[in-house]
Amino acid sequence: QVQLVESGGGLVQPGGSLRLSCAASGRIFGISGMGWYRQAPGSQREWVGGIAIDGSTHYADSAKGRFTISRDNAKNTLYLQMNSLKPEDTAVYYCSIGAAGGQVYWGQGTQVTVSS
């Protein structure tokens, strides 16, 4: 059974940094990509960025220059380094893995709150 577990969320002041982790367990066949999404209260879930199989990364405009996605294949872990955080980054952050057959796996989410 595939399980994704996010961690690293919390309360941070504007301008601060956080690193989120997403640990994957179980066998996933035909991974097509991995990514991060977020959902703020009253808003739809939005894509933050992703990392492809070849290691290339892509980001939403709101994340460019501030967020960095990386992965550690040996640890089956995906990361989201977030710098220069703003109050509007406050949301529940989810990791996602796309696999063969259109299967998409989601974590349970981790809360990030940016506030002074």
PDB file of N, CA and C in Angstrom:
ATOM      1  N   GLN A   1       0.843  -1.180   0.000  1.00  0.00           N
ATOM      2  CA  GLN A   1       0.000   0.000   0.000  1.00  0.00           C
ATOM      3  C   GLN A   1       0.886   1.241   0.000  1.00  0.00           C
ATOM      4  N   VAL A   2       0.590   2.143  -0.924  1.00  0.00           N
ATOM      5  CA  VAL A   2       1.383   3.361  -1.048  1.00  0.00           C
ATOM      6  C   VAL A   2       0.925   4.377  -0.012  1.00  0.00           C
ATOM      7  N   GLN A   3       1.897   5.006   0.615  1.00  0.00           N
ATOM      8  CA  GLN A   3       1.590   6.037   1.603  1.00  0.00           C
ATOM      9  C   GLN A   3       2.568   7.184   1.437  1.00  0.00           C
ATOM     10  N   LEU A   4       2.039   8.396   1.437  1.00  0.00           N
ATOM     11  CA  LEU A   4       2.859   9.603   1.412  1.00  0.00           C
ATOM     12  C   LEU A   4       2.614  10.356   2.710  1.00  0.00           C
ATOM     13  N   VAL A   5       3.680  10.712   3.385  1.00  0.00           N
ATOM     14  CA  VAL A   5       3.557  11.403   4.667  1.00  0.00           C
ATOM     15  C   VAL A   5       4.367  12.688   4.624  1.00  0.00           C
ATOM     16  N   GLU A   6       3.660  13.811   4.710  1.00  0.00           N
ATOM     17  CA  GLU A   6       4.333  15.108   4.742  1.00  0.00           C
ATOM     18  C   GLU A   6       4.698  15.479   6.176  1.00  0.00           C
ATOM     19  N   SER A   7       5.736  16.278   6.299  1.00  0.00           N
ATOM     20  CA  SER A   7       6.137  16.819   7.582  1.00  0.00           C
ATOM     21  C   SER A   7       6.892  18.118   7.346  1.00  0.00           C
ATOM     22  N   GLY A   8       7.109  18.857   8.431  1.00  0.00           N
ATOM     23  CA  GLY A   8       7.905  20.071   8.343  1.00  0.00           C
ATOM     24  C   GLY A   8       7.118  21.354   8.353  1.00  0.00           C
ATOM     25  N   GLY A   9       5.805  21.256   8.362  1.00  0.00           N
ATOM     26  CA  GLY A   9       5.004  22.468   8.426  1.00  0.00           C
ATOM     27  C   GLY A   9       5.062  23.111   9.794  1.00  0.00           C
ATOM     28  N   GLY A  10       4.494  24.294   9.893  1.00  0.00           N
ATOM     29  CA  GLY A  10       4.469  24.990  11.168  1.00  0.00           C
ATOM     30  C   GLY A  10       4.196  26.457  10.995  1.00  0.00           C
ATOM     31  N   LEU A  11       4.443  27.193  12.063  1.00  0.00           N
ATOM     32  CA  LEU A  11       4.257  28.638  12.083  1.00  0.00           C
ATOM     33  C   LEU A  11       5.603  29.319  11.863  1.00  0.00           C
ATOM     34  N   VAL A  12       5.642  30.251  10.937  1.00  0.00           N
ATOM     35  CA  VAL A  12       6.876  30.969  10.642  1.00  0.00           C
ATOM     36  C   VAL A  12       6.539  32.428  10.379  1.00  0.00           C
ATOM     37  N   GLN A  13       7.460  33.304  10.712  1.00  0.00           N
ATOM     38  CA  GLN A  13       7.247  34.731  10.471  1.00  0.00           C
ATOM     39  C   GLN A  13       7.477  35.069   9.000  1.00  0.00           C
ATOM     40  N   PRO A  14       6.854  36.125   8.528  1.00  0.00           N
ATOM     41  CA  PRO A  14       7.112  36.567   7.152  1.00  0.00           C
ATOM     42  C   PRO A  14       8.606  36.761   6.919  1.00  0.00           C
ATOM     43  N   GLY A  15       9.065  36.299   5.777  1.00  0.00           N
ATOM     44  CA  GLY A  15      10.483  36.347   5.456  1.00  0.00           C
ATOM     45  C   GLY A  15      11.247  35.116   5.889  1.00  0.00           C
ATOM     46  N   GLY A  16      10.622  34.265   6.658  1.00  0.00           N
ATOM     47  CA  GLY A  16      11.277  33.065   7.152  1.00  0.00           C
ATOM     48  C   GLY A  16      11.271  31.926   6.144  1.00  0.00           C
ATOM     49  N   SER A  17      11.793  30.787   6.596  1.00  0.00           N
ATOM     50  CA  SER A  17      11.929  29.618   5.720  1.00  0.00           C
ATOM     51  C   SER A  17      11.397  28.372   6.409  1.00  0.00           C
ATOM     52  N   LEU A  18      10.979  27.448   5.599  1.00  0.00           N
ATOM     53  CA  LEU A  18      10.584  26.117   6.059  1.00  0.00           C
ATOM     54  C   LEU A  18      10.984  25.111   4.992  1.00  0.00           C
ATOM     55  N   ARG A  19      11.257  23.898   5.423  1.00  0.00           N
ATOM     56  CA  ARG A  19      11.474  22.810   4.473  1.00  0.00           C
ATOM     57  C   ARG A  19      10.476  21.707   4.765  1.00  0.00           C
ATOM     58  N   LEU A  20       9.660  21.430   3.789  1.00  0.00           N
ATOM     59  CA  LEU A  20       8.702  20.343   3.896  1.00  0.00           C
ATOM     60  C   LEU A  20       9.301  19.068   3.324  1.00  0.00           C
ATOM     61  N   SER A  21       8.915  17.964   3.937  1.00  0.00           N
ATOM     62  CA  SER A  21       9.356  16.657   3.450  1.00  0.00           C
ATOM     63  C   SER A  21       8.135  15.807   3.140  1.00  0.00           C
ATOM     64  N   CYS A  22       8.308  14.915   2.199  1.00  0.00           N
ATOM     65  CA  CYS A  22       7.250  13.968   1.847  1.00  0.00           C
ATOM     66  C   CYS A  22       7.900  12.604   1.683  1.00  0.00           C
ATOM     67  N   ALA A  23       7.661  11.751   2.655  1.00  0.00           N
ATOM     68  CA  ALA A  23       8.255  10.417   2.640  1.00  0.00           C
ATOM     69  C   ALA A  23       7.267   9.437   2.027  1.00  0.00           C
ATOM     70  N   ALA A  24       7.745   8.720   1.018  1.00  0.00           N
ATOM     71  CA  ALA A  24       6.892   7.760   0.319  1.00  0.00           C
ATOM     72  C   ALA A  24       7.245   6.334   0.726  1.00  0.00           C
ATOM     73  N   SER A  25       6.239   5.519   0.912  1.00  0.00           N
ATOM     74  CA  SER A  25       6.448   4.108   1.203  1.00  0.00           C
ATOM     75  C   SER A  25       5.521   3.286   0.315  1.00  0.00           C
ATOM     76  N   GLY A  26       5.909   2.028   0.107  1.00  0.00           N
ATOM     77  CA  GLY A  26       5.145   1.191  -0.799  1.00  0.00           C
ATOM     78  C   GLY A  26       5.693   1.282  -2.210  1.00  0.00           C
ATOM     79  N   ARG A  27       5.269   0.400  -3.051  1.00  0.00           N
ATOM     80  CA  ARG A  27       5.776   0.347  -4.419  1.00  0.00           C
ATOM     81  C   ARG A  27       4.862   1.154  -5.341  1.00  0.00           C
ATOM     82  N   ILE A  28       5.488   2.050  -6.084  1.00  0.00           N
ATOM     83  CA  ILE A  28       4.769   2.859  -7.059  1.00  0.00           C
ATOM     84  C   ILE A  28       5.344   2.549  -8.431  1.00  0.00           C
ATOM     85  N   PHE A  29       4.492   2.091  -9.333  1.00  0.00           N
ATOM     86  CA  PHE A  29       4.940   1.700 -10.659  1.00  0.00           C
ATOM     87  C   PHE A  29       4.749   2.832 -11.660  1.00  0.00           C
ATOM     88  N   GLY A  30       5.772   3.028 -12.458  1.00  0.00           N
ATOM     89  CA  GLY A  30       5.656   3.983 -13.545  1.00  0.00           C
ATOM     90  C   GLY A  30       5.462   5.415 -13.098  1.00  0.00           C
ATOM     91  N   ILE A  31       6.303   5.866 -12.165  1.00  0.00           N
ATOM     92  CA  ILE A  31       6.187   7.246 -11.699  1.00  0.00           C
ATOM     93  C   ILE A  31       6.405   8.202 -12.867  1.00  0.00           C
ATOM     94  N   SER A  32       5.495   9.108 -13.038  1.00  0.00           N
ATOM     95  CA  SER A  32       5.589  10.082 -14.117  1.00  0.00           C
ATOM     96  C   SER A  32       6.042  11.443 -13.626  1.00  0.00           C
ATOM     97  N   GLY A  33       5.876  11.702 -12.349  1.00  0.00           N
ATOM     98  CA  GLY A  33       6.307  12.990 -11.816  1.00  0.00           C
ATOM     99  C   GLY A  33       5.881  13.126 -10.371  1.00  0.00           C
ATOM    100  N   MET A  34       6.462  14.102  -9.703  1.00  0.00           N
ATOM    101  CA  MET A  34       6.145  14.366  -8.303  1.00  0.00           C
ATOM    102  C   MET A  34       5.954  15.860  -8.137  1.00  0.00           C
ATOM    103  N   GLY A  35       5.138  16.235  -7.194  1.00  0.00           N
ATOM    104  CA  GLY A  35       4.913  17.658  -7.048  1.00  0.00           C
ATOM    105  C   GLY A  35       4.320  18.042  -5.716  1.00  0.00           C
ATOM    106  N   TRP A  36       4.194  19.338  -5.563  1.00  0.00           N
ATOM    107  CA  TRP A  36       3.590  19.920  -4.369  1.00  0.00           C
ATOM    108  C   TRP A  36       2.400  20.793  -4.775  1.00  0.00           C
ATOM    109  N   TYR A  37       1.389  20.717  -3.956  1.00  0.00           N
ATOM    110  CA  TYR A  37       0.203  21.537  -4.115  1.00  0.00           C
ATOM    111  C   TYR A  37      -0.099  22.199  -2.777  1.00  0.00           C
ATOM    112  N   ARG A  38      -0.964  23.189  -2.803  1.00  0.00           N
ATOM    113  CA  ARG A  38      -1.390  23.810  -1.557  1.00  0.00           C
ATOM    114  C   ARG A  38      -2.828  24.249  -1.676  1.00  0.00           C
ATOM    115  N   GLN A  39      -3.460  24.337  -0.512  1.00  0.00           N
ATOM    116  CA  GLN A  39      -4.849  24.777  -0.462  1.00  0.00           C
ATOM    117  C   GLN A  39      -5.033  25.695   0.723  1.00  0.00           C
ATOM    118  N   ALA A  40      -5.369  26.928   0.420  1.00  0.00           N
ATOM    119  CA  ALA A  40      -5.658  27.918   1.451  1.00  0.00           C
ATOM    120  C   ALA A  40      -7.141  27.852   1.797  1.00  0.00           C
ATOM    121  N   PRO A  41      -7.504  28.320   2.993  1.00  0.00           N
ATOM    122  CA  PRO A  41      -8.918  28.298   3.384  1.00  0.00           C
ATOM    123  C   PRO A  41      -9.787  29.034   2.375  1.00  0.00           C
ATOM    124  N   GLY A  42     -10.866  28.384   1.963  1.00  0.00           N
ATOM    125  CA  GLY A  42     -11.785  29.008   1.030  1.00  0.00           C
ATOM    126  C   GLY A  42     -11.327  29.017  -0.406  1.00  0.00           C
ATOM    127  N   SER A  43     -10.199  28.382  -0.677  1.00  0.00           N
ATOM    128  CA  SER A  43      -9.651  28.383  -2.041  1.00  0.00           C
ATOM    129  C   SER A  43      -9.508  26.961  -2.553  1.00  0.00           C
ATOM    130  N   GLN A  44      -9.362  26.859  -3.864  1.00  0.00           N
ATOM    131  CA  GLN A  44      -9.131  25.553  -4.456  1.00  0.00           C
ATOM    132  C   GLN A  44      -7.671  25.160  -4.312  1.00  0.00           C
ATOM    133  N   ARG A  45      -7.428  23.884  -4.377  1.00  0.00           N
ATOM    134  CA  ARG A  45      -6.057  23.395  -4.329  1.00  0.00           C
ATOM    135  C   ARG A  45      -5.320  23.876  -5.575  1.00  0.00           C
ATOM    136  N   GLU A  46      -4.108  24.384  -5.381  1.00  0.00           N
ATOM    137  CA  GLU A  46      -3.336  24.886  -6.503  1.00  0.00           C
ATOM    138  C   GLU A  46      -1.965  24.236  -6.543  1.00  0.00           C
ATOM    139  N   TRP A  47      -1.468  24.119  -7.754  1.00  0.00           N
ATOM    140  CA  TRP A  47      -0.161  23.538  -7.988  1.00  0.00           C
ATOM    141  C   TRP A  47       0.924  24.538  -7.582  1.00  0.00           C
ATOM    142  N   VAL A  48       1.914  24.058  -6.854  1.00  0.00           N
ATOM    143  CA  VAL A  48       3.038  24.882  -6.428  1.00  0.00           C
ATOM    144  C   VAL A  48       4.245  24.646  -7.330  1.00  0.00           C
ATOM    145  N   GLY A  49       4.508  23.386  -7.623  1.00  0.00           N
ATOM    146  CA  GLY A  49       5.632  23.049  -8.473  1.00  0.00           C
ATOM    147  C   GLY A  49       5.806  21.556  -8.539  1.00  0.00           C
ATOM    148  N   GLY A  50       6.692  21.121  -9.434  1.00  0.00           N
ATOM    149  CA  GLY A  50       6.893  19.697  -9.599  1.00  0.00           C
ATOM    150  C   GLY A  50       8.291  19.365 -10.078  1.00  0.00           C
ATOM    151  N   ILE A  51       8.625  18.105  -9.952  1.00  0.00           N
ATOM    152  CA  ILE A  51       9.912  17.608 -10.430  1.00  0.00           C
ATOM    153  C   ILE A  51       9.637  16.385 -11.292  1.00  0.00           C
ATOM    154  N   ALA A  52      10.213  16.412 -12.486  1.00  0.00           N
ATOM    155  CA  ALA A  52       9.990  15.332 -13.432  1.00  0.00           C
ATOM    156  C   ALA A  52      10.975  14.192 -13.210  1.00  0.00           C
ATOM    157  N   ILE A  53      10.774  13.128 -13.948  1.00  0.00           N
ATOM    158  CA  ILE A  53      11.634  11.957 -13.814  1.00  0.00           C
ATOM    159  C   ILE A  53      13.077  12.306 -14.140  1.00  0.00           C
ATOM    160  N   ASP A  54      13.279  13.189 -15.077  1.00  0.00           N
ATOM    161  CA  ASP A  54      14.639  13.566 -15.450  1.00  0.00           C
ATOM    162  C   ASP A  54      15.261  14.576 -14.496  1.00  0.00           C
ATOM    163  N   GLY A  55      14.513  14.945 -13.455  1.00  0.00           N
ATOM    164  CA  GLY A  55      15.042  15.859 -12.465  1.00  0.00           C
ATOM    165  C   GLY A  55      14.742  17.326 -12.730  1.00  0.00           C
ATOM    166  N   SER A  56      14.160  17.615 -13.846  1.00  0.00           N
ATOM    167  CA  SER A  56      13.833  18.999 -14.141  1.00  0.00           C
ATOM    168  C   SER A  56      12.700  19.469 -13.239  1.00  0.00           C
ATOM    169  N   THR A  57      12.763  20.719 -12.871  1.00  0.00           N
ATOM    170  CA  THR A  57      11.767  21.275 -11.960  1.00  0.00           C
ATOM    171  C   THR A  57      11.001  22.411 -12.630  1.00  0.00           C
ATOM    172  N   HIS A  58       9.793  22.569 -12.185  1.00  0.00           N
ATOM    173  CA  HIS A  58       8.917  23.602 -12.731  1.00  0.00           C
ATOM    174  C   HIS A  58       8.107  24.178 -11.577  1.00  0.00           C
ATOM    175  N   TYR A  59       7.860  25.483 -11.645  1.00  0.00           N
ATOM    176  CA  TYR A  59       7.203  26.142 -10.524  1.00  0.00           C
ATOM    177  C   TYR A  59       6.092  27.060 -10.993  1.00  0.00           C
ATOM    178  N   ALA A  60       5.110  27.196 -10.140  1.00  0.00           N
ATOM    179  CA  ALA A  60       4.097  28.224 -10.357  1.00  0.00           C
ATOM    180  C   ALA A  60       4.761  29.586 -10.203  1.00  0.00           C
ATOM    181  N   ASP A  61       4.191  30.581 -10.827  1.00  0.00           N
ATOM    182  CA  ASP A  61       4.780  31.919 -10.751  1.00  0.00           C
ATOM    183  C   ASP A  61       4.926  32.391  -9.306  1.00  0.00           C
ATOM    184  N   SER A  62       3.984  32.001  -8.463  1.00  0.00           N
ATOM    185  CA  SER A  62       4.019  32.435  -7.072  1.00  0.00           C
ATOM    186  C   SER A  62       5.185  31.830  -6.299  1.00  0.00           C
ATOM    187  N   ALA A  63       5.752  30.743  -6.834  1.00  0.00           N
ATOM    188  CA  ALA A  63       6.830  30.040  -6.135  1.00  0.00           C
ATOM    189  C   ALA A  63       8.205  30.295  -6.739  1.00  0.00           C
ATOM    190  N   LYS A  64       8.242  30.759  -7.946  1.00  0.00           N
ATOM    191  CA  LYS A  64       9.526  30.949  -8.628  1.00  0.00           C
ATOM    192  C   LYS A  64      10.436  31.888  -7.865  1.00  0.00           C
ATOM    193  N   GLY A  65      11.679  31.456  -7.716  1.00  0.00           N
ATOM    194  CA  GLY A  65      12.674  32.280  -7.046  1.00  0.00           C
ATOM    195  C   GLY A  65      12.664  32.169  -5.538  1.00  0.00           C
ATOM    196  N   ARG A  66      11.622  31.551  -4.990  1.00  0.00           N
ATOM    197  CA  ARG A  66      11.530  31.424  -3.530  1.00  0.00           C
ATOM    198  C   ARG A  66      11.491  29.967  -3.071  1.00  0.00           C
ATOM    199  N   PHE A  67      10.875  29.120  -3.877  1.00  0.00           N
ATOM    200  CA  PHE A  67      10.716  27.715  -3.495  1.00  0.00           C
ATOM    201  C   PHE A  67      11.610  26.830  -4.357  1.00  0.00           C
ATOM    202  N   THR A  68      12.089  25.741  -3.757  1.00  0.00           N
ATOM    203  CA  THR A  68      12.913  24.782  -4.488  1.00  0.00           C
ATOM    204  C   THR A  68      12.449  23.373  -4.164  1.00  0.00           C
ATOM    205  N   ILE A  69      12.200  22.607  -5.205  1.00  0.00           N
ATOM    206  CA  ILE A  69      11.801  21.210  -5.045  1.00  0.00           C
ATOM    207  C   ILE A  69      12.992  20.323  -5.334  1.00  0.00           C
ATOM    208  N   SER A  70      13.192  19.328  -4.506  1.00  0.00           N
ATOM    209  CA  SER A  70      14.257  18.361  -4.709  1.00  0.00           C
ATOM    210  C   SER A  70      13.787  16.997  -4.228  1.00  0.00           C
ATOM    211  N   ARG A  71      14.564  15.991  -4.501  1.00  0.00           N
ATOM    212  CA  ARG A  71      14.197  14.644  -4.057  1.00  0.00           C
ATOM    213  C   ARG A  71      15.457  13.875  -3.698  1.00  0.00           C
ATOM    214  N   ASP A  72      15.272  12.922  -2.820  1.00  0.00           N
ATOM    215  CA  ASP A  72      16.340  11.997  -2.447  1.00  0.00           C
ATOM    216  C   ASP A  72      15.814  10.605  -2.758  1.00  0.00           C
ATOM    217  N   ASN A  73      16.258  10.066  -3.878  1.00  0.00           N
ATOM    218  CA  ASN A  73      15.730   8.769  -4.307  1.00  0.00           C
ATOM    219  C   ASN A  73      16.072   7.658  -3.315  1.00  0.00           C
ATOM    220  N   ALA A  74      17.221   7.756  -2.690  1.00  0.00           N
ATOM    221  CA  ALA A  74      17.635   6.717  -1.744  1.00  0.00           C
ATOM    222  C   ALA A  74      16.717   6.687  -0.528  1.00  0.00           C
ATOM    223  N   LYS A  75      16.178   7.846  -0.184  1.00  0.00           N
ATOM    224  CA  LYS A  75      15.294   7.928   0.979  1.00  0.00           C
ATOM    225  C   LYS A  75      13.821   7.956   0.587  1.00  0.00           C
ATOM    226  N   ASN A  76      13.549   7.880  -0.723  1.00  0.00           N
ATOM    227  CA  ASN A  76      12.158   7.960  -1.204  1.00  0.00           C
ATOM    228  C   ASN A  76      11.456   9.188  -0.628  1.00  0.00           C
ATOM    229  N   THR A  77      12.150  10.307  -0.660  1.00  0.00           N
ATOM    230  CA  THR A  77      11.635  11.523  -0.040  1.00  0.00           C
ATOM    231  C   THR A  77      11.702  12.687  -1.010  1.00  0.00           C
ATOM    232  N   LEU A  78      10.623  13.440  -1.008  1.00  0.00           N
ATOM    233  CA  LEU A  78      10.499  14.658  -1.801  1.00  0.00           C
ATOM    234  C   LEU A  78      10.544  15.837  -0.853  1.00  0.00           C
ATOM    235  N   TYR A  79      11.181  16.918  -1.285  1.00  0.00           N
ATOM    236  CA  TYR A  79      11.327  18.083  -0.424  1.00  0.00           C
ATOM    237  C   TYR A  79      10.777  19.332  -1.108  1.00  0.00           C
ATOM    238  N   LEU A  80      10.367  20.273  -0.269  1.00  0.00           N
ATOM    239  CA  LEU A  80      10.002  21.603  -0.737  1.00  0.00           C
ATOM    240  C   LEU A  80      10.657  22.609   0.203  1.00  0.00           C
ATOM    241  N   GLN A  81      11.691  23.255  -0.284  1.00  0.00           N
ATOM    242  CA  GLN A  81      12.353  24.315   0.479  1.00  0.00           C
ATOM    243  C   GLN A  81      11.662  25.627   0.156  1.00  0.00           C
ATOM    244  N   MET A  82      11.166  26.282   1.171  1.00  0.00           N
ATOM    245  CA  MET A  82      10.433  27.536   0.981  1.00  0.00           C
ATOM    246  C   MET A  82      11.154  28.654   1.707  1.00  0.00           C
ATOM    247  N   ASN A  83      11.557  29.658   0.961  1.00  0.00           N
ATOM    248  CA  ASN A  83      12.249  30.815   1.521  1.00  0.00           C
ATOM    249  C   ASN A  83      11.423  32.077   1.294  1.00  0.00           C
ATOM    250  N   SER A  84      11.775  33.115   2.015  1.00  0.00           N
ATOM    251  CA  SER A  84      11.088  34.407   1.858  1.00  0.00           C
ATOM    252  C   SER A  84       9.578  34.234   1.909  1.00  0.00           C
ATOM    253  N   LEU A  85       9.130  33.528   2.897  1.00  0.00           N
ATOM    254  CA  LEU A  85       7.707  33.209   2.990  1.00  0.00           C
ATOM    255  C   LEU A  85       6.872  34.461   3.242  1.00  0.00           C
ATOM    256  N   LYS A  86       5.670  34.433   2.669  1.00  0.00           N
ATOM    257  CA  LYS A  86       4.731  35.543   2.779  1.00  0.00           C
ATOM    258  C   LYS A  86       3.439  35.044   3.426  1.00  0.00           C
ATOM    259  N   PRO A  87       2.675  35.954   4.023  1.00  0.00           N
ATOM    260  CA  PRO A  87       1.393  35.521   4.609  1.00  0.00           C
ATOM    261  C   PRO A  87       0.502  34.788   3.604  1.00  0.00           C
ATOM    262  N   GLU A  88       0.584  35.168   2.346  1.00  0.00           N
ATOM    263  CA  GLU A  88      -0.258  34.517   1.343  1.00  0.00           C
ATOM    264  C   GLU A  88       0.197  33.100   1.003  1.00  0.00           C
ATOM    265  N   ASP A  89       1.326  32.680   1.552  1.00  0.00           N
ATOM    266  CA  ASP A  89       1.757  31.287   1.396  1.00  0.00           C
ATOM    267  C   ASP A  89       1.080  30.368   2.409  1.00  0.00           C
ATOM    268  N   THR A  90       0.333  30.958   3.335  1.00  0.00           N
ATOM    269  CA  THR A  90      -0.364  30.166   4.338  1.00  0.00           C
ATOM    270  C   THR A  90      -1.360  29.228   3.668  1.00  0.00           C
ATOM    271  N   ALA A  91      -1.212  27.935   3.960  1.00  0.00           N
ATOM    272  CA  ALA A  91      -2.059  26.924   3.326  1.00  0.00           C
ATOM    273  C   ALA A  91      -1.697  25.559   3.895  1.00  0.00           C
ATOM    274  N   VAL A  92      -2.501  24.587   3.540  1.00  0.00           N
ATOM    275  CA  VAL A  92      -2.125  23.194   3.760  1.00  0.00           C
ATOM    276  C   VAL A  92      -1.393  22.740   2.508  1.00  0.00           C
ATOM    277  N   TYR A  93      -0.210  22.193   2.705  1.00  0.00           N
ATOM    278  CA  TYR A  93       0.621  21.769   1.595  1.00  0.00           C
ATOM    279  C   TYR A  93       0.556  20.246   1.448  1.00  0.00           C
ATOM    280  N   TYR A  94       0.372  19.816   0.207  1.00  0.00           N
ATOM    281  CA  TYR A  94       0.246  18.396  -0.101  1.00  0.00           C
ATOM    282  C   TYR A  94       1.303  17.973  -1.111  1.00  0.00           C
ATOM    283  N   CYS A  95       1.851  16.800  -0.913  1.00  0.00           N
ATOM    284  CA  CYS A  95       2.706  16.243  -1.951  1.00  0.00           C
ATOM    285  C   CYS A  95       1.880  15.262  -2.771  1.00  0.00           C
ATOM    286  N   SER A  96       2.331  15.061  -3.988  1.00  0.00           N
ATOM    287  CA  SER A  96       1.600  14.215  -4.928  1.00  0.00           C
ATOM    288  C   SER A  96       2.574  13.476  -5.821  1.00  0.00           C
ATOM    289  N   ILE A  97       2.251  12.240  -6.124  1.00  0.00           N
ATOM    290  CA  ILE A  97       3.053  11.452  -7.061  1.00  0.00           C
ATOM    291  C   ILE A  97       2.130  10.897  -8.136  1.00  0.00           C
ATOM    292  N   GLY A  98       2.484  11.154  -9.363  1.00  0.00           N
ATOM    293  CA  GLY A  98       1.746  10.618 -10.487  1.00  0.00           C
ATOM    294  C   GLY A  98       2.386   9.332 -10.965  1.00  0.00           C
ATOM    295  N   ALA A  99       1.561   8.350 -11.321  1.00  0.00           N
ATOM    296  CA  ALA A  99       2.094   7.052 -11.710  1.00  0.00           C
ATOM    297  C   ALA A  99       1.359   6.521 -12.933  1.00  0.00           C
ATOM    298  N   ALA A 100       1.744   5.308 -13.320  1.00  0.00           N
ATOM    299  CA  ALA A 100       1.193   4.674 -14.517  1.00  0.00           C
ATOM    300  C   ALA A 100      -0.332   4.561 -14.431  1.00  0.00           C
ATOM    301  N   GLY A 101      -0.947   4.675 -15.602  1.00  0.00           N
ATOM    302  CA  GLY A 101      -2.389   4.520 -15.657  1.00  0.00           C
ATOM    303  C   GLY A 101      -3.161   5.702 -15.119  1.00  0.00           C
ATOM    304  N   GLY A 102      -2.483   6.801 -14.930  1.00  0.00           N
ATOM    305  CA  GLY A 102      -3.145   7.989 -14.408  1.00  0.00           C
ATOM    306  C   GLY A 102      -3.359   7.982 -12.910  1.00  0.00           C
ATOM    307  N   GLN A 103      -2.762   7.010 -12.247  1.00  0.00           N
ATOM    308  CA  GLN A 103      -2.906   6.953 -10.795  1.00  0.00           C
ATOM    309  C   GLN A 103      -2.195   8.141 -10.151  1.00  0.00           C
ATOM    310  N   VAL A 104      -2.825   8.759  -9.182  1.00  0.00           N
ATOM    311  CA  VAL A 104      -2.224   9.870  -8.441  1.00  0.00           C
ATOM    312  C   VAL A 104      -2.340   9.580  -6.955  1.00  0.00           C
ATOM    313  N   TYR A 105      -1.216   9.694  -6.289  1.00  0.00           N
ATOM    314  CA  TYR A 105      -1.181   9.469  -4.845  1.00  0.00           C
ATOM    315  C   TYR A 105      -1.003  10.812  -4.145  1.00  0.00           C
ATOM    316  N   TRP A 106      -1.682  10.956  -3.004  1.00  0.00           N
ATOM    317  CA  TRP A 106      -1.629  12.201  -2.242  1.00  0.00           C
ATOM    318  C   TRP A 106      -1.244  11.931  -0.798  1.00  0.00           C
ATOM    319  N   GLY A 107      -0.538  12.880  -0.209  1.00  0.00           N
ATOM    320  CA  GLY A 107      -0.304  12.834   1.211  1.00  0.00           C
ATOM    321  C   GLY A 107      -1.468  13.453   1.959  1.00  0.00           C
ATOM    322  N   GLN A 108      -1.358  13.466   3.286  1.00  0.00           N
ATOM    323  CA  GLN A 108      -2.457  13.966   4.113  1.00  0.00           C
ATOM    324  C   GLN A 108      -2.398  15.472   4.302  1.00  0.00           C
ATOM    325  N   GLY A 109      -1.268  16.066   3.938  1.00  0.00           N
ATOM    326  CA  GLY A 109      -1.116  17.508   4.056  1.00  0.00           C
ATOM    327  C   GLY A 109      -0.433  17.939   5.336  1.00  0.00           C
ATOM    328  N   THR A 110       0.242  19.076   5.248  1.00  0.00           N
ATOM    329  CA  THR A 110       0.873  19.674   6.418  1.00  0.00           C
ATOM    330  C   THR A 110       0.603  21.173   6.386  1.00  0.00           C
ATOM    331  N   GLN A 111       0.243  21.714   7.545  1.00  0.00           N
ATOM    332  CA  GLN A 111      -0.153  23.113   7.626  1.00  0.00           C
ATOM    333  C   GLN A 111       1.061  24.021   7.682  1.00  0.00           C
ATOM    334  N   VAL A 112       1.054  25.033   6.851  1.00  0.00           N
ATOM    335  CA  VAL A 112       2.054  26.097   6.893  1.00  0.00           C
ATOM    336  C   VAL A 112       1.330  27.406   7.168  1.00  0.00           C
ATOM    337  N   THR A 113       1.745  28.087   8.227  1.00  0.00           N
ATOM    338  CA  THR A 113       1.151  29.374   8.583  1.00  0.00           C
ATOM    339  C   THR A 113       2.250  30.416   8.649  1.00  0.00           C
ATOM    340  N   VAL A 114       2.079  31.466   7.864  1.00  0.00           N
ATOM    341  CA  VAL A 114       3.055  32.551   7.838  1.00  0.00           C
ATOM    342  C   VAL A 114       2.395  33.769   8.471  1.00  0.00           C
ATOM    343  N   SER A 115       2.883  34.126   9.631  1.00  0.00           N
ATOM    344  CA  SER A 115       2.255  35.215  10.373  1.00  0.00           C
ATOM    345  C   SER A 115       3.226  35.776  11.389  1.00  0.00           C
ATOM    346  N   SER A 116       3.089  37.068  11.640  1.00  0.00           N
ATOM    347  CA  SER A 116       3.908  37.694  12.677  1.00  0.00           C
ATOM    348  C   SER A 116       3.166  37.700  14.008  1.00  0.00           C
TER     349      SER A 116
END
